PDB file of N, CA and C in Angstrom:
ATOM      1  N   MET A   1     105.688 113.761 110.412  1.00  0.00           N
ATOM      2  CA  MET A   1     107.108 113.589 110.205  1.00  0.00           C
ATOM      3  C   MET A   1     107.663 112.680 111.304  1.00  0.00           C
ATOM      4  N   LEU A   2     108.477 111.745 110.914  1.00  0.00           N
ATOM      5  CA  LEU A   2     109.078 110.813 111.854  1.00  0.00           C
ATOM      6  C   LEU A   2     110.219 111.513 112.587  1.00  0.00           C
ATOM      7  N   ARG A   3     110.189 111.426 113.900  1.00  0.00           N
ATOM      8  CA  ARG A   3     111.278 111.954 114.716  1.00  0.00           C
ATOM      9  C   ARG A   3     111.618 110.907 115.764  1.00  0.00           C
ATOM     10  N   PHE A   4     112.603 111.189 116.558  1.00  0.00           N
ATOM     11  CA  PHE A   4     113.042 110.226 117.567  1.00  0.00           C
ATOM     12  C   PHE A   4     113.153 110.894 118.930  1.00  0.00           C
ATOM     13  N   THR A   5     112.770 110.169 119.979  1.00  0.00           N
ATOM     14  CA  THR A   5     112.928 110.656 121.340  1.00  0.00           C
ATOM     15  C   THR A   5     114.409 110.586 121.702  1.00  0.00           C
ATOM     16  N   PRO A   6     114.816 111.208 122.808  1.00  0.00           N
ATOM     17  CA  PRO A   6     116.210 111.077 123.243  1.00  0.00           C
ATOM     18  C   PRO A   6     116.632 109.616 123.463  1.00  0.00           C
ATOM     19  N   ALA A   7     115.654 108.741 123.743  1.00  0.00           N
ATOM     20  CA  ALA A   7     115.942 107.310 123.913  1.00  0.00           C
ATOM     21  C   ALA A   7     115.875 106.566 122.580  1.00  0.00           C
ATOM     22  N   THR A   8     115.836 107.305 121.465  1.00  0.00           N
ATOM     23  CA  THR A   8     115.807 106.801 120.083  1.00  0.00           C
ATOM     24  C   THR A   8     114.533 106.018 119.723  1.00  0.00           C
ATOM     25  N   VAL A   9     113.428 106.300 120.405  1.00  0.00           N
ATOM     26  CA  VAL A   9     112.142 105.690 120.061  1.00  0.00           C
ATOM     27  C   VAL A   9     111.508 106.522 118.946  1.00  0.00           C
ATOM     28  N   PRO A  10     111.099 105.893 117.833  1.00  0.00           N
ATOM     29  CA  PRO A  10     110.439 106.642 116.753  1.00  0.00           C
ATOM     30  C   PRO A  10     109.087 107.204 117.200  1.00  0.00           C
ATOM     31  N   VAL A  11     108.777 108.426 116.745  1.00  0.00           N
ATOM     32  CA  VAL A  11     107.522 109.104 117.081  1.00  0.00           C
ATOM     33  C   VAL A  11     106.971 109.749 115.815  1.00  0.00           C
ATOM     34  N   THR A  12     105.687 109.563 115.554  1.00  0.00           N
ATOM     35  CA  THR A  12     104.999 110.269 114.462  1.00  0.00           C
ATOM     36  C   THR A  12     103.761 110.932 115.036  1.00  0.00           C
ATOM     37  N   GLU A  13     103.600 112.217 114.744  1.00  0.00           N
ATOM     38  CA  GLU A  13     102.402 112.951 115.128  1.00  0.00           C
ATOM     39  C   GLU A  13     101.657 113.318 113.855  1.00  0.00           C
ATOM     40  N   CYS A  14     100.328 113.245 113.897  1.00  0.00           N
ATOM     41  CA  CYS A  14      99.527 113.544 112.709  1.00  0.00           C
ATOM     42  C   CYS A  14      98.120 113.942 113.124  1.00  0.00           C
ATOM     43  N   VAL A  15      97.308 114.294 112.148  1.00  0.00           N
ATOM     44  CA  VAL A  15      95.896 114.586 112.370  1.00  0.00           C
ATOM     45  C   VAL A  15      95.096 113.525 111.629  1.00  0.00           C
ATOM     46  N   ILE A  16      94.160 112.905 112.335  1.00  0.00           N
ATOM     47  CA  ILE A  16      93.325 111.850 111.771  1.00  0.00           C
ATOM     48  C   ILE A  16      91.937 112.431 111.506  1.00  0.00           C
ATOM     49  N   GLY A  17      91.429 112.241 110.304  1.00  0.00           N
ATOM     50  CA  GLY A  17      90.066 112.640 109.980  1.00  0.00           C
ATOM     51  C   GLY A  17      89.129 111.458 110.158  1.00  0.00           C
ATOM     52  N   HIS A  18      87.966 111.701 110.741  1.00  0.00           N
ATOM     53  CA  HIS A  18      86.980 110.646 110.977  1.00  0.00           C
ATOM     54  C   HIS A  18      85.660 111.042 110.328  1.00  0.00           C
ATOM     55  N   GLN A  19      85.030 110.091 109.636  1.00  0.00           N
ATOM     56  CA  GLN A  19      83.702 110.277 109.055  1.00  0.00           C
ATOM     57  C   GLN A  19      82.915 108.996 109.275  1.00  0.00           C
ATOM     58  N   SER A  20      81.702 109.143 109.797  1.00  0.00           N
ATOM     59  CA  SER A  20      80.847 107.973 109.983  1.00  0.00           C
ATOM     60  C   SER A  20      79.404 108.421 110.141  1.00  0.00           C
ATOM     61  N   GLU A  21      78.510 107.445 110.165  1.00  0.00           N
ATOM     62  CA  GLU A  21      77.108 107.711 110.477  1.00  0.00           C
ATOM     63  C   GLU A  21      76.791 106.934 111.735  1.00  0.00           C
ATOM     64  N   GLN A  22      76.289 107.631 112.742  1.00  0.00           N
ATOM     65  CA  GLN A  22      75.958 107.043 114.027  1.00  0.00           C
ATOM     66  C   GLN A  22      74.465 107.211 114.264  1.00  0.00           C
ATOM     67  N   VAL A  23      73.925 106.411 115.163  1.00  0.00           N
ATOM     68  CA  VAL A  23      72.524 106.539 115.544  1.00  0.00           C
ATOM     69  C   VAL A  23      72.478 107.192 116.917  1.00  0.00           C
ATOM     70  N   GLU A  24      71.735 108.299 116.989  1.00  0.00           N
ATOM     71  CA  GLU A  24      71.575 109.012 118.254  1.00  0.00           C
ATOM     72  C   GLU A  24      70.088 109.259 118.473  1.00  0.00           C
ATOM     73  N   ALA A  25      69.567 108.809 119.602  1.00  0.00           N
ATOM     74  CA  ALA A  25      68.148 108.938 119.928  1.00  0.00           C
ATOM     75  C   ALA A  25      67.279 108.381 118.808  1.00  0.00           C
ATOM     76  N   GLY A  26      67.735 107.279 118.191  1.00  0.00           N
ATOM     77  CA  GLY A  26      66.970 106.613 117.149  1.00  0.00           C
ATOM     78  C   GLY A  26      67.073 107.235 115.769  1.00  0.00           C
ATOM     79  N   ASN A  27      67.852 108.279 115.625  1.00  0.00           N
ATOM     80  CA  ASN A  27      67.993 108.960 114.337  1.00  0.00           C
ATOM     81  C   ASN A  27      69.436 108.909 113.844  1.00  0.00           C
ATOM     82  N   PRO A  28      69.616 108.758 112.521  1.00  0.00           N
ATOM     83  CA  PRO A  28      70.976 108.755 111.991  1.00  0.00           C
ATOM     84  C   PRO A  28      71.612 110.144 112.110  1.00  0.00           C
ATOM     85  N   ARG A  29      72.881 110.167 112.403  1.00  0.00           N
ATOM     86  CA  ARG A  29      73.614 111.425 112.520  1.00  0.00           C
ATOM     87  C   ARG A  29      74.970 111.262 111.846  1.00  0.00           C
ATOM     88  N   ARG A  30      75.282 112.151 110.929  1.00  0.00           N
ATOM     89  CA  ARG A  30      76.578 112.158 110.247  1.00  0.00           C
ATOM     90  C   ARG A  30      77.600 112.796 111.184  1.00  0.00           C
ATOM     91  N   VAL A  31      78.720 112.116 111.379  1.00  0.00           N
ATOM     92  CA  VAL A  31      79.773 112.601 112.268  1.00  0.00           C
ATOM     93  C   VAL A  31      81.041 112.797 111.447  1.00  0.00           C
ATOM     94  N   GLU A  32      81.603 113.983 111.526  1.00  0.00           N
ATOM     95  CA  GLU A  32      82.877 114.295 110.888  1.00  0.00           C
ATOM     96  C   GLU A  32      83.707 115.096 111.872  1.00  0.00           C
ATOM     97  N   CYS A  33      84.944 114.698 112.087  1.00  0.00           N
ATOM     98  CA  CYS A  33      85.817 115.436 112.990  1.00  0.00           C
ATOM     99  C   CYS A  33      87.270 115.096 112.681  1.00  0.00           C
ATOM    100  N   GLU A  34      88.148 115.856 113.277  1.00  0.00           N
ATOM    101  CA  GLU A  34      89.582 115.603 113.193  1.00  0.00           C
ATOM    102  C   GLU A  34      90.121 115.538 114.611  1.00  0.00           C
ATOM    103  N   ILE A  35      91.122 114.694 114.811  1.00  0.00           N
ATOM    104  CA  ILE A  35      91.747 114.578 116.119  1.00  0.00           C
ATOM    105  C   ILE A  35      93.253 114.415 115.928  1.00  0.00           C
ATOM    106  N   GLN A  36      93.997 115.041 116.817  1.00  0.00           N
ATOM    107  CA  GLN A  36      95.442 114.866 116.791  1.00  0.00           C
ATOM    108  C   GLN A  36      95.757 113.448 117.246  1.00  0.00           C
ATOM    109  N   ALA A  37      96.774 112.870 116.641  1.00  0.00           N
ATOM    110  CA  ALA A  37      97.160 111.498 116.985  1.00  0.00           C
ATOM    111  C   ALA A  37      98.676 111.413 117.082  1.00  0.00           C
ATOM    112  N   ILE A  38      99.136 110.409 117.808  1.00  0.00           N
ATOM    113  CA  ILE A  38     100.563 110.158 117.966  1.00  0.00           C
ATOM    114  C   ILE A  38     100.783 108.651 118.000  1.00  0.00           C
ATOM    115  N   GLY A  39     101.872 108.212 117.394  1.00  0.00           N
ATOM    116  CA  GLY A  39     102.258 106.808 117.440  1.00  0.00           C
ATOM    117  C   GLY A  39     103.713 106.710 117.839  1.00  0.00           C
ATOM    118  N   LEU A  40     104.050 105.727 118.621  1.00  0.00           N
ATOM    119  CA  LEU A  40     105.421 105.506 119.053  1.00  0.00           C
ATOM    120  C   LEU A  40     105.885 104.123 118.636  1.00  0.00           C
ATOM    121  N   GLY A  41     107.169 103.980 118.474  1.00  0.00           N
ATOM    122  CA  GLY A  41     107.743 102.690 118.112  1.00  0.00           C
ATOM    123  C   GLY A  41     107.363 102.274 116.706  1.00  0.00           C
ATOM    124  N   GLU A  42     107.040 101.003 116.545  1.00  0.00           N
ATOM    125  CA  GLU A  42     106.686 100.474 115.223  1.00  0.00           C
ATOM    126  C   GLU A  42     105.423 101.140 114.671  1.00  0.00           C
ATOM    127  N   THR A  43     104.488 101.481 115.564  1.00  0.00           N
ATOM    128  CA  THR A  43     103.278 102.171 115.131  1.00  0.00           C
ATOM    129  C   THR A  43     103.619 103.507 114.475  1.00  0.00           C
ATOM    130  N   ALA A  44     104.628 104.204 114.979  1.00  0.00           N
ATOM    131  CA  ALA A  44     105.061 105.474 114.386  1.00  0.00           C
ATOM    132  C   ALA A  44     105.506 105.267 112.944  1.00  0.00           C
ATOM    133  N   ARG A  45     106.209 104.199 112.706  1.00  0.00           N
ATOM    134  CA  ARG A  45     106.684 103.914 111.333  1.00  0.00           C
ATOM    135  C   ARG A  45     105.508 103.620 110.397  1.00  0.00           C
ATOM    136  N   TRP A  46     104.488 102.896 110.886  1.00  0.00           N
ATOM    137  CA  TRP A  46     103.320 102.597 110.059  1.00  0.00           C
ATOM    138  C   TRP A  46     102.508 103.860 109.790  1.00  0.00           C
ATOM    139  N   LEU A  47     102.349 104.714 110.791  1.00  0.00           N
ATOM    140  CA  LEU A  47     101.639 105.981 110.576  1.00  0.00           C
ATOM    141  C   LEU A  47     102.375 106.836 109.547  1.00  0.00           C
ATOM    142  N   GLN A  48     103.686 106.842 109.624  1.00  0.00           N
ATOM    143  CA  GLN A  48     104.500 107.611 108.687  1.00  0.00           C
ATOM    144  C   GLN A  48     104.301 107.094 107.261  1.00  0.00           C
ATOM    145  N   ALA A  49     104.077 105.806 107.112  1.00  0.00           N
ATOM    146  CA  ALA A  49     103.915 105.200 105.787  1.00  0.00           C
ATOM    147  C   ALA A  49     102.542 105.468 105.179  1.00  0.00           C
ATOM    148  N   ALA A  50     101.569 105.860 106.000  1.00  0.00           N
ATOM    149  CA  ALA A  50     100.206 106.108 105.505  1.00  0.00           C
ATOM    150  C   ALA A  50     100.173 107.411 104.710  1.00  0.00           C
ATOM    151  N   THR A  51      99.629 107.351 103.517  1.00  0.00           N
ATOM    152  CA  THR A  51      99.514 108.554 102.687  1.00  0.00           C
ATOM    153  C   THR A  51      98.191 109.251 102.987  1.00  0.00           C
ATOM    154  N   PRO A  52      98.150 110.569 102.834  1.00  0.00           N
ATOM    155  CA  PRO A  52      96.898 111.291 103.093  1.00  0.00           C
ATOM    156  C   PRO A  52      95.753 110.725 102.245  1.00  0.00           C
ATOM    157  N   GLY A  53      94.592 110.547 102.864  1.00  0.00           N
ATOM    158  CA  GLY A  53      93.422 110.039 102.167  1.00  0.00           C
ATOM    159  C   GLY A  53      93.230 108.546 102.262  1.00  0.00           C
ATOM    160  N   VAL A  54      94.235 107.804 102.699  1.00  0.00           N
ATOM    161  CA  VAL A  54      94.084 106.357 102.811  1.00  0.00           C
ATOM    162  C   VAL A  54      93.230 106.051 104.042  1.00  0.00           C
ATOM    163  N   LYS A  55      92.339 105.059 103.915  1.00  0.00           N
ATOM    164  CA  LYS A  55      91.479 104.687 105.033  1.00  0.00           C
ATOM    165  C   LYS A  55      92.169 103.640 105.892  1.00  0.00           C
ATOM    166  N   VAL A  56      92.058 103.844 107.188  1.00  0.00           N
ATOM    167  CA  VAL A  56      92.654 102.933 108.150  1.00  0.00           C
ATOM    168  C   VAL A  56      91.691 102.706 109.304  1.00  0.00           C
ATOM    169  N   HIS A  57      91.866 101.604 109.982  1.00  0.00           N
ATOM    170  CA  HIS A  57      91.200 101.349 111.256  1.00  0.00           C
ATOM    171  C   HIS A  57      92.277 101.501 112.317  1.00  0.00           C
ATOM    172  N   LEU A  58      91.998 102.319 113.319  1.00  0.00           N
ATOM    173  CA  LEU A  58      92.965 102.570 114.380  1.00  0.00           C
ATOM    174  C   LEU A  58      92.412 102.131 115.717  1.00  0.00           C
ATOM    175  N   SER A  59      93.287 101.668 116.582  1.00  0.00           N
ATOM    176  CA  SER A  59      92.951 101.393 117.976  1.00  0.00           C
ATOM    177  C   SER A  59      93.975 102.106 118.831  1.00  0.00           C
ATOM    178  N   GLY A  60      93.547 102.468 120.011  1.00  0.00           N
ATOM    179  CA  GLY A  60      94.459 103.137 120.924  1.00  0.00           C
ATOM    180  C   GLY A  60      93.698 103.688 122.110  1.00  0.00           C
ATOM    181  N   PHE A  61      94.246 104.763 122.673  1.00  0.00           N
ATOM    182  CA  PHE A  61      93.605 105.369 123.834  1.00  0.00           C
ATOM    183  C   PHE A  61      93.723 106.880 123.759  1.00  0.00           C
ATOM    184  N   LEU A  62      92.801 107.561 124.418  1.00  0.00           N
ATOM    185  CA  LEU A  62      92.816 109.016 124.481  1.00  0.00           C
ATOM    186  C   LEU A  62      93.537 109.451 125.744  1.00  0.00           C
ATOM    187  N   ALA A  63      94.358 110.478 125.610  1.00  0.00           N
ATOM    188  CA  ALA A  63      95.051 111.060 126.759  1.00  0.00           C
ATOM    189  C   ALA A  63      95.264 112.538 126.487  1.00  0.00           C
ATOM    190  N   CYS A  64      95.451 113.295 127.542  1.00  0.00           N
ATOM    191  CA  CYS A  64      95.740 114.715 127.389  1.00  0.00           C
ATOM    192  C   CYS A  64      97.072 114.879 126.663  1.00  0.00           C
ATOM    193  N   LYS A  65      97.160 115.938 125.873  1.00  0.00           N
ATOM    194  CA  LYS A  65      98.361 116.186 125.075  1.00  0.00           C
ATOM    195  C   LYS A  65      99.589 116.353 125.970  1.00  0.00           C
ATOM    196  N   SER A  66      99.414 116.977 127.123  1.00  0.00           N
ATOM    197  CA  SER A  66     100.510 117.137 128.076  1.00  0.00           C
ATOM    198  C   SER A  66      99.925 117.312 129.473  1.00  0.00           C
ATOM    199  N   ARG A  67     100.786 117.389 130.459  1.00  0.00           N
ATOM    200  CA  ARG A  67     100.315 117.599 131.838  1.00  0.00           C
ATOM    201  C   ARG A  67      99.633 118.944 131.995  1.00  0.00           C
ATOM    202  N   HIS A  68      99.996 119.887 131.133  1.00  0.00           N
ATOM    203  CA  HIS A  68      99.485 121.247 131.254  1.00  0.00           C
ATOM    204  C   HIS A  68      98.368 121.547 130.261  1.00  0.00           C
ATOM    205  N   SER A  69      97.919 120.560 129.499  1.00  0.00           N
ATOM    206  CA  SER A  69      96.892 120.763 128.485  1.00  0.00           C
ATOM    207  C   SER A  69      95.786 119.736 128.663  1.00  0.00           C
ATOM    208  N   LYS A  70      94.561 120.170 128.528  1.00  0.00           N
ATOM    209  CA  LYS A  70      93.420 119.251 128.588  1.00  0.00           C
ATOM    210  C   LYS A  70      92.986 118.819 127.195  1.00  0.00           C
ATOM    211  N   GLN A  71      93.704 119.266 126.163  1.00  0.00           N
ATOM    212  CA  GLN A  71      93.376 118.887 124.784  1.00  0.00           C
ATOM    213  C   GLN A  71      93.677 117.398 124.600  1.00  0.00           C
ATOM    214  N   LEU A  72      92.703 116.674 124.016  1.00  0.00           N
ATOM    215  CA  LEU A  72      92.863 115.230 123.829  1.00  0.00           C
ATOM    216  C   LEU A  72      93.679 114.899 122.599  1.00  0.00           C
ATOM    217  N   ARG A  73      94.385 113.780 122.670  1.00  0.00           N
ATOM    218  CA  ARG A  73      95.141 113.258 121.546  1.00  0.00           C
ATOM    219  C   ARG A  73      94.996 111.740 121.578  1.00  0.00           C
ATOM    220  N   LEU A  74      94.816 111.144 120.386  1.00  0.00           N
ATOM    221  CA  LEU A  74      94.713 109.692 120.265  1.00  0.00           C
ATOM    222  C   LEU A  74      96.111 109.092 120.209  1.00  0.00           C
ATOM    223  N   HIS A  75      96.414 108.214 121.156  1.00  0.00           N
ATOM    224  CA  HIS A  75      97.673 107.474 121.144  1.00  0.00           C
ATOM    225  C   HIS A  75      97.402 106.159 120.407  1.00  0.00           C
ATOM    226  N   VAL A  76      97.882 106.063 119.187  1.00  0.00           N
ATOM    227  CA  VAL A  76      97.603 104.916 118.328  1.00  0.00           C
ATOM    228  C   VAL A  76      98.476 103.738 118.763  1.00  0.00           C
ATOM    229  N   THR A  77      97.835 102.600 119.015  1.00  0.00           N
ATOM    230  CA  THR A  77      98.568 101.390 119.384  1.00  0.00           C
ATOM    231  C   THR A  77      98.472 100.312 118.313  1.00  0.00           C
ATOM    232  N   MET A  78      97.492 100.470 117.393  1.00  0.00           N
ATOM    233  CA  MET A  78      97.322  99.499 116.309  1.00  0.00           C
ATOM    234  C   MET A  78      96.776 100.239 115.093  1.00  0.00           C
ATOM    235  N   ILE A  79      97.327  99.916 113.934  1.00  0.00           N
ATOM    236  CA  ILE A  79      96.851 100.499 112.683  1.00  0.00           C
ATOM    237  C   ILE A  79      96.635  99.372 111.684  1.00  0.00           C
ATOM    238  N   GLU A  80      95.474  99.403 111.023  1.00  0.00           N
ATOM    239  CA  GLU A  80      95.143  98.420 109.987  1.00  0.00           C
ATOM    240  C   GLU A  80      94.732  99.180 108.745  1.00  0.00           C
ATOM    241  N   PHE A  81      95.442  98.952 107.651  1.00  0.00           N
ATOM    242  CA  PHE A  81      95.111  99.609 106.386  1.00  0.00           C
ATOM    243  C   PHE A  81      93.934  98.892 105.750  1.00  0.00           C
ATOM    244  N   VAL A  82      92.934  99.672 105.280  1.00  0.00           N
ATOM    245  CA  VAL A  82      91.730  99.128 104.652  1.00  0.00           C
ATOM    246  C   VAL A  82      91.966  99.115 103.153  1.00  0.00           C
ATOM    247  N   GLU A  83      92.008  97.929 102.564  1.00  0.00           N
ATOM    248  CA  GLU A  83      92.309  97.787 101.137  1.00  0.00           C
ATOM    249  C   GLU A  83      91.177  98.311 100.266  1.00  0.00           C
ATOM    250  N   GLY A  84      91.553  98.946  99.162  1.00  0.00           N
ATOM    251  CA  GLY A  84      90.595  99.353  98.145  1.00  0.00           C
ATOM    252  C   GLY A  84      89.674 100.469  98.541  1.00  0.00           C
ATOM    253  N   ASN A  85      89.972 101.189  99.598  1.00  0.00           N
ATOM    254  CA  ASN A  85      89.089 102.254 100.063  1.00  0.00           C
ATOM    255  C   ASN A  85      89.799 103.588 100.161  1.00  0.00           C
ATOM    256  N   GLN A  86      90.580 103.947  99.177  1.00  0.00           N
ATOM    257  CA  GLN A  86      91.266 105.238  99.196  1.00  0.00           C
ATOM    258  C   GLN A  86      90.341 106.334  98.695  1.00  0.00           C
ATOM    259  N   ASN A  87      90.355 107.482  99.361  1.00  0.00           N
ATOM    260  CA  ASN A  87      89.542 108.635  98.947  1.00  0.00           C
ATOM    261  C   ASN A  87      90.080 109.213  97.657  1.00  0.00           C
ATOM    262  N   GLY A  88      89.212 109.945  96.937  1.00  0.00           N
ATOM    263  CA  GLY A  88      89.713 110.649  95.764  1.00  0.00           C
ATOM    264  C   GLY A  88      89.052 110.290  94.505  1.00  0.00           C
TER     265      GLY A  88
END
């Protein structure tokens, strides 16, 4: 859900699902996980526009959710929608 900071900066928080196949110790390994994500400014508006199940490429950085939490959250700085690759 799109919200605004007291300084009127748009913010969107969401959960991103990741699925891929990686090579570990020479063997393929299926990786599936979810991570909390947040976008600010224009990125928040683009995240808000993404419908569940749509595939995207994201760039950003990992940071603790707060000063008092060690839980990681992806701060999205770039979002690219992947055409023709919707789940379902």
